[in-house]
N, C-alpha and C. Protein backbone atom coordinates (compact mmCIF):
# COMPACT_ATOMS: atom_id res chain seq x y z
N UNK A 1 4.31 -3.90 -19.95
CA UNK A 1 3.20 -3.91 -19.76
C UNK A 1 3.51 -2.93 -18.66
N UNK A 2 2.79 -1.85 -18.72
CA UNK A 2 3.46 -0.90 -17.49
C UNK A 2 2.62 -0.98 -16.21
N UNK A 3 2.84 -0.50 -15.17
CA UNK A 3 2.28 -0.79 -13.98
C UNK A 3 0.59 -0.17 -14.08
N UNK A 4 0.45 0.94 -14.58
CA UNK A 4 -0.54 1.63 -15.14
C UNK A 4 -1.59 0.76 -16.30
N UNK A 5 -1.06 0.42 -16.89
CA UNK A 5 -1.62 -0.24 -18.21
C UNK A 5 -2.13 -1.84 -17.33
N UNK A 6 -0.98 -2.44 -16.61
CA UNK A 6 -1.94 -3.71 -16.15
C UNK A 6 -2.85 -4.01 -14.68
N UNK A 7 -2.56 -2.02 -13.95
CA UNK A 7 -3.76 -1.82 -12.84
C UNK A 7 -5.02 -1.89 -13.60
N UNK A 8 -5.18 -0.61 -14.94
CA UNK A 8 -6.36 -0.75 -15.42
C UNK A 8 -7.07 -2.25 -16.00
N UNK A 9 -6.21 -2.68 -16.39
CA UNK A 9 -6.48 -4.07 -16.73
C UNK A 9 -6.82 -4.97 -15.90
N UNK A 10 -6.60 -4.96 -14.77
CA UNK A 10 -6.91 -5.96 -13.68
C UNK A 10 -8.41 -5.14 -12.84
N UNK A 11 -8.57 -4.01 -12.86
CA UNK A 11 -9.40 -3.23 -12.63
C UNK A 11 -10.51 -3.85 -13.67
N UNK A 12 -10.29 -4.14 -14.89
CA UNK A 12 -11.30 -4.43 -16.23
C UNK A 12 -11.90 -5.83 -15.96
N UNK A 13 -10.89 -6.42 -15.74
CA UNK A 13 -10.90 -8.14 -15.41
C UNK A 13 -11.88 -8.12 -14.04
N UNK A 14 -11.62 -7.70 -12.65
CA UNK A 14 -12.64 -7.82 -11.87
C UNK A 14 -13.59 -7.40 -11.16
N UNK A 15 -13.59 -5.78 -12.26
CA UNK A 15 -15.11 -5.08 -11.67
C UNK A 15 -15.91 -4.70 -12.62
N UNK A 16 -15.79 -5.12 -13.92
CA UNK A 16 -15.83 -4.77 -15.15
C UNK A 16 -15.71 -3.29 -15.72
N UNK A 17 -14.79 -2.10 -14.99
CA UNK A 17 -14.98 -0.80 -14.86
C UNK A 17 -13.88 -0.60 -15.36
N UNK A 18 -13.55 0.76 -16.30
CA UNK A 18 -12.69 1.08 -16.96
C UNK A 18 -12.51 2.46 -16.19
N UNK A 19 -10.70 3.21 -16.51
CA UNK A 19 -10.38 4.25 -15.30
C UNK A 19 -11.55 5.50 -15.92
N UNK A 20 -12.30 6.11 -14.83
CA UNK A 20 -12.74 7.27 -15.39
C UNK A 20 -12.85 8.10 -16.12
N UNK A 21 -11.56 8.90 -15.69
CA UNK A 21 -10.87 10.23 -15.82
C UNK A 21 -9.88 10.32 -15.94
N UNK A 22 -9.26 10.98 -16.33
CA UNK A 22 -7.55 11.24 -16.49
C UNK A 22 -6.79 11.63 -14.44
N UNK A 23 -7.84 12.38 -13.99
CA UNK A 23 -7.25 11.99 -12.63
C UNK A 23 -6.76 10.60 -12.14
N UNK A 24 -7.99 9.60 -11.96
CA UNK A 24 -7.77 8.27 -11.89
C UNK A 24 -6.70 7.34 -12.20
N UNK A 25 -6.01 7.59 -13.03
CA UNK A 25 -5.54 7.26 -14.43
C UNK A 25 -4.08 8.41 -13.18
N UNK A 26 -3.99 8.96 -13.06
CA UNK A 26 -2.62 9.90 -12.40
C UNK A 26 -2.47 9.16 -11.35
N UNK A 27 -3.43 9.09 -10.07
CA UNK A 27 -3.99 8.88 -9.31
C UNK A 27 -2.78 6.74 -8.85
N UNK A 28 -4.02 6.43 -10.22
CA UNK A 28 -2.93 4.62 -10.47
C UNK A 28 -1.51 4.80 -10.26
N UNK A 29 -1.44 5.63 -10.81
CA UNK A 29 -0.12 6.08 -12.04
C UNK A 29 1.27 6.57 -10.43
N UNK A 30 0.41 7.14 -9.23
CA UNK A 30 0.76 7.56 -8.52
C UNK A 30 1.58 6.52 -7.08
N UNK A 31 0.55 5.51 -7.58
CA UNK A 31 0.62 4.12 -7.05
C UNK A 31 2.58 3.74 -6.50
N UNK A 32 2.68 3.96 -7.52
CA UNK A 32 3.65 2.83 -8.21
C UNK A 32 4.83 3.66 -6.63
N UNK A 33 5.13 4.91 -6.80
CA UNK A 33 5.54 5.73 -5.32
C UNK A 33 5.28 5.01 -3.97
N UNK A 34 4.19 5.27 -4.04
CA UNK A 34 3.42 4.77 -2.74
C UNK A 34 4.00 3.13 -2.44
N UNK A 35 3.47 2.40 -3.19
CA UNK A 35 4.19 0.74 -3.09
C UNK A 35 5.75 0.69 -2.60
N UNK A 36 7.08 1.49 -3.77
CA UNK A 36 7.89 1.78 -3.46
C UNK A 36 9.01 2.82 -2.02
N UNK A 37 7.78 2.97 -1.69
CA UNK A 37 8.02 3.66 -0.36
C UNK A 37 8.24 2.67 0.71
N UNK A 38 6.50 1.50 0.49
CA UNK A 38 6.10 0.81 1.27
C UNK A 38 7.41 -0.62 2.02
N UNK A 39 7.58 -0.57 0.06
CA UNK A 39 8.56 -1.48 0.27
C UNK A 39 10.04 -1.11 0.83
N UNK A 40 10.51 0.17 0.97
CA UNK A 40 11.32 0.31 1.32
C UNK A 40 11.53 0.30 2.66
N UNK A 41 10.74 -0.02 3.46
CA UNK A 41 10.97 0.41 5.09
C UNK A 41 10.58 -1.07 5.26
N UNK A 42 10.10 -2.02 4.42
CA UNK A 42 9.70 -3.00 5.07
C UNK A 42 11.20 -4.28 5.94
N UNK A 43 10.50 -4.38 6.87
CA UNK A 43 11.35 -5.13 7.60
C UNK A 43 11.96 -4.53 8.77
N UNK A 44 11.84 -3.47 8.77
CA UNK A 44 12.67 -2.36 9.41
C UNK A 44 11.51 -1.85 10.68
N UNK A 45 9.96 -2.16 10.49
CA UNK A 45 9.13 -2.08 11.25
C UNK A 45 9.58 -2.87 12.39
N UNK A 46 8.73 -2.93 13.59
CA UNK A 46 9.13 -3.87 14.63
C UNK A 46 7.73 -3.84 14.82
N UNK A 47 7.11 -2.82 15.60
CA UNK A 47 5.71 -3.10 15.78
C UNK A 47 4.72 -4.58 15.15
N UNK A 48 5.12 -4.08 14.13
CA UNK A 48 4.29 -5.61 13.18
C UNK A 48 4.73 -6.69 13.90
N UNK A 49 6.17 -7.33 13.73
CA UNK A 49 6.54 -8.07 14.02
C UNK A 49 6.80 -8.65 14.70
N UNK A 50 6.58 -8.04 16.40
CA UNK A 50 6.64 -8.35 17.19
C UNK A 50 5.28 -7.90 18.50
N UNK A 51 4.70 -8.48 18.51
CA UNK A 51 3.31 -7.94 19.20
C UNK A 51 3.50 -8.23 20.49
N UNK A 52 4.20 -8.81 21.11
CA UNK A 52 4.40 -9.06 22.49
C UNK A 52 5.34 -7.48 22.99
N UNK A 53 6.31 -6.81 21.88
CA UNK A 53 6.73 -5.89 22.20
C UNK A 53 5.69 -4.42 22.20
N UNK A 54 4.81 -5.06 21.24
CA UNK A 54 3.94 -3.87 21.59
C UNK A 54 2.44 -3.85 22.16
N UNK A 55 2.98 -5.06 23.39
CA UNK A 55 2.08 -4.95 24.84
C UNK A 55 3.12 -4.01 25.60
N UNK A 56 4.16 -4.73 25.77
CA UNK A 56 5.34 -4.26 26.98
C UNK A 56 4.91 -2.43 26.62
N UNK A 57 5.09 -2.04 25.69
CA UNK A 57 5.32 -0.43 25.17
C UNK A 57 3.92 -0.16 25.72
N UNK A 58 2.88 -0.96 25.18
CA UNK A 58 1.84 -0.42 25.82
C UNK A 58 1.66 -0.25 27.95
N UNK A 59 2.11 -1.45 28.38
CA UNK A 59 2.48 -1.14 29.68
C UNK A 59 2.89 -0.12 30.52
N UNK A 60 4.08 0.12 29.61
CA UNK A 60 5.16 0.84 29.73
C UNK A 60 4.34 2.41 29.85
N UNK A 61 3.93 2.84 28.90
CA UNK A 61 3.23 4.09 29.19
C UNK A 61 1.96 4.00 29.74
N UNK A 62 1.79 3.22 30.33
CA UNK A 62 0.77 3.41 31.55
C UNK A 62 0.93 3.43 32.63
N UNK A 63 2.17 2.77 33.08
CA UNK A 63 2.47 3.60 34.59
C UNK A 63 3.54 4.33 34.93
């Protein structure tokens, strides 16, 4: 089953509605690229992993 078909099935199951039009289906299909882009940077963003470093960066900017 393709990502688009899986997503439409989940929406139908959880919300009881179908994708309303071709634009909605296209935008859902575009999520594949968005998800892949986020997966590509996973592990490389440190502010989310190290809140203490984020706090230090905020303090450094204030000084």
